[in-house]
């Protein structure tokens, strides 16, 4: 199971919204490097961590609108977990980073290397 399986909602809630989104983004960044044919199991594990953190973040959010957006985002991420697609992963990564002003500042740093 995921290394975040024992992470409690109480512990996760202690992090700010920005920190939560950035920690999900960290896992997405790791996953983005695992689309090679020999990395499928590691990609699957990375996406399990992404989904777990997305679930915790959704549960921790007092904002209904952010919860709704995170649930939509998580549904799309679950699709990539089931059927890995690198282009879809990049689009999801970008959308995640746009969820908060602090994480959006990371776009030029994290997405620049992924441009064709």
Protein backbone atom coordinates (compact mmCIF):
# COMPACT_ATOMS: atom_id res chain seq x y z
CA UNK A 1 0.00 0.00 0.00
CA UNK A 2 0.94 3.63 -0.31
CA UNK A 3 3.49 5.21 1.95
CA UNK A 4 0.78 7.75 2.83
CA UNK A 5 -1.70 5.09 3.94
CA UNK A 6 -1.06 5.83 7.61
CA UNK A 7 -1.23 9.61 7.19
CA UNK A 8 -4.18 10.86 9.21
CA UNK A 9 -6.62 13.58 8.27
CA UNK A 10 -5.68 15.42 11.45
CA UNK A 11 -2.00 15.45 10.49
CA UNK A 12 -2.76 16.42 6.87
CA UNK A 13 -5.09 19.21 8.02
CA UNK A 14 -2.18 20.82 9.87
CA UNK A 15 -0.67 21.74 6.49
CA UNK A 16 -1.90 24.81 4.64
CA UNK A 17 -3.92 24.44 1.45
CA UNK A 18 -0.88 25.58 -0.53
CA UNK A 19 1.34 22.99 1.14
CA UNK A 20 -1.20 20.23 0.50
CA UNK A 21 -1.45 21.06 -3.19
CA UNK A 22 2.33 21.34 -3.49
CA UNK A 23 2.79 17.92 -1.87
CA UNK A 24 0.35 16.39 -4.36
CA UNK A 25 2.28 18.20 -7.09
CA UNK A 26 5.50 16.67 -5.78
CA UNK A 27 4.02 13.20 -6.27
CA UNK A 28 2.75 14.19 -9.72
CA UNK A 29 6.25 15.39 -10.60
CA UNK A 30 7.67 12.01 -9.56
CA UNK A 31 4.98 10.19 -11.53
CA UNK A 32 5.76 12.24 -14.64
CA UNK A 33 9.20 10.66 -14.80
CA UNK A 34 7.78 7.12 -14.77
CA UNK A 35 6.03 6.75 -18.12
CA UNK A 36 8.67 4.43 -19.55
CA UNK A 37 7.66 0.83 -20.30
CA UNK A 38 9.74 -0.56 -17.43
CA UNK A 39 8.28 1.84 -14.87
CA UNK A 40 4.59 0.87 -14.86
CA UNK A 41 4.58 -0.50 -11.31
CA UNK A 42 6.38 2.55 -9.96
CA UNK A 43 3.99 4.80 -11.89
CA UNK A 44 1.06 2.94 -10.39
CA UNK A 45 2.51 3.39 -6.89
CA UNK A 46 3.08 7.10 -7.49
CA UNK A 47 -0.51 7.52 -8.61
CA UNK A 48 -1.74 5.66 -5.54
CA UNK A 49 0.07 8.27 -3.45
CA UNK A 50 -1.38 11.08 -5.59
CA UNK A 51 -4.91 9.75 -5.14
CA UNK A 52 -4.46 9.26 -1.39
CA UNK A 53 -3.22 12.82 -0.92
CA UNK A 54 -6.01 14.18 -3.13
CA UNK A 55 -8.55 12.34 -0.96
CA UNK A 56 -7.04 13.76 2.23
CA UNK A 57 -6.94 17.25 0.76
CA UNK A 58 -10.59 17.02 -0.27
CA UNK A 59 -11.58 15.90 3.21
CA UNK A 60 -9.54 18.67 4.83
CA UNK A 61 -11.00 21.54 2.80
CA UNK A 62 -13.61 23.82 4.34
CA UNK A 63 -14.20 25.46 0.94
CA UNK A 64 -16.99 23.73 -1.01
CA UNK A 65 -15.77 25.10 -4.32
CA UNK A 66 -12.23 23.80 -3.81
CA UNK A 67 -13.56 20.42 -2.65
CA UNK A 68 -15.65 20.22 -5.83
CA UNK A 69 -12.66 21.08 -8.05
CA UNK A 70 -10.44 18.60 -6.24
CA UNK A 71 -13.03 15.86 -6.66
CA UNK A 72 -13.22 16.54 -10.39
CA UNK A 73 -9.45 16.60 -10.62
CA UNK A 74 -9.16 13.36 -8.63
CA UNK A 75 -11.64 11.62 -10.95
CA UNK A 76 -9.46 12.49 -13.94
CA UNK A 77 -6.32 11.42 -12.07
CA UNK A 78 -7.97 8.07 -11.34
CA UNK A 79 -8.45 7.67 -15.08
CA UNK A 80 -4.71 8.10 -15.64
CA UNK A 81 -4.08 5.59 -12.84
CA UNK A 82 -6.22 3.06 -14.69
CA UNK A 83 -4.96 3.91 -18.18
CA UNK A 84 -1.62 5.75 -18.08
CA UNK A 85 -1.43 8.61 -20.56
CA UNK A 86 1.49 11.00 -20.43
CA UNK A 87 -0.29 13.89 -22.17
CA UNK A 88 -3.25 13.58 -19.81
CA UNK A 89 -0.83 13.46 -16.88
CA UNK A 90 0.79 16.74 -17.99
CA UNK A 91 -2.62 18.40 -18.34
CA UNK A 92 -3.63 17.22 -14.86
CA UNK A 93 -0.33 18.36 -13.38
CA UNK A 94 -0.86 21.82 -14.86
CA UNK A 95 -4.47 21.99 -13.63
CA UNK A 96 -3.37 20.98 -10.13
CA UNK A 97 -0.76 23.70 -10.00
CA UNK A 98 -3.36 26.27 -10.99
CA UNK A 99 -5.50 25.49 -7.91
CA UNK A 100 -3.68 27.94 -5.63
CA UNK A 101 -1.69 31.12 -6.28
CA UNK A 102 1.37 29.72 -4.51
CA UNK A 103 1.39 26.47 -6.49
CA UNK A 104 0.74 28.36 -9.73
CA UNK A 105 4.09 30.09 -9.25
CA UNK A 106 5.72 26.68 -9.80
CA UNK A 107 4.34 26.32 -13.34
CA UNK A 108 7.32 27.87 -15.14
CA UNK A 109 9.72 25.70 -13.15
CA UNK A 110 7.90 22.39 -13.40
CA UNK A 111 6.23 22.56 -16.78
CA UNK A 112 9.03 24.16 -18.81
CA UNK A 113 11.04 20.95 -18.99
CA UNK A 114 8.01 19.06 -20.29
CA UNK A 115 7.46 21.21 -23.36
CA UNK A 116 8.10 19.40 -26.69
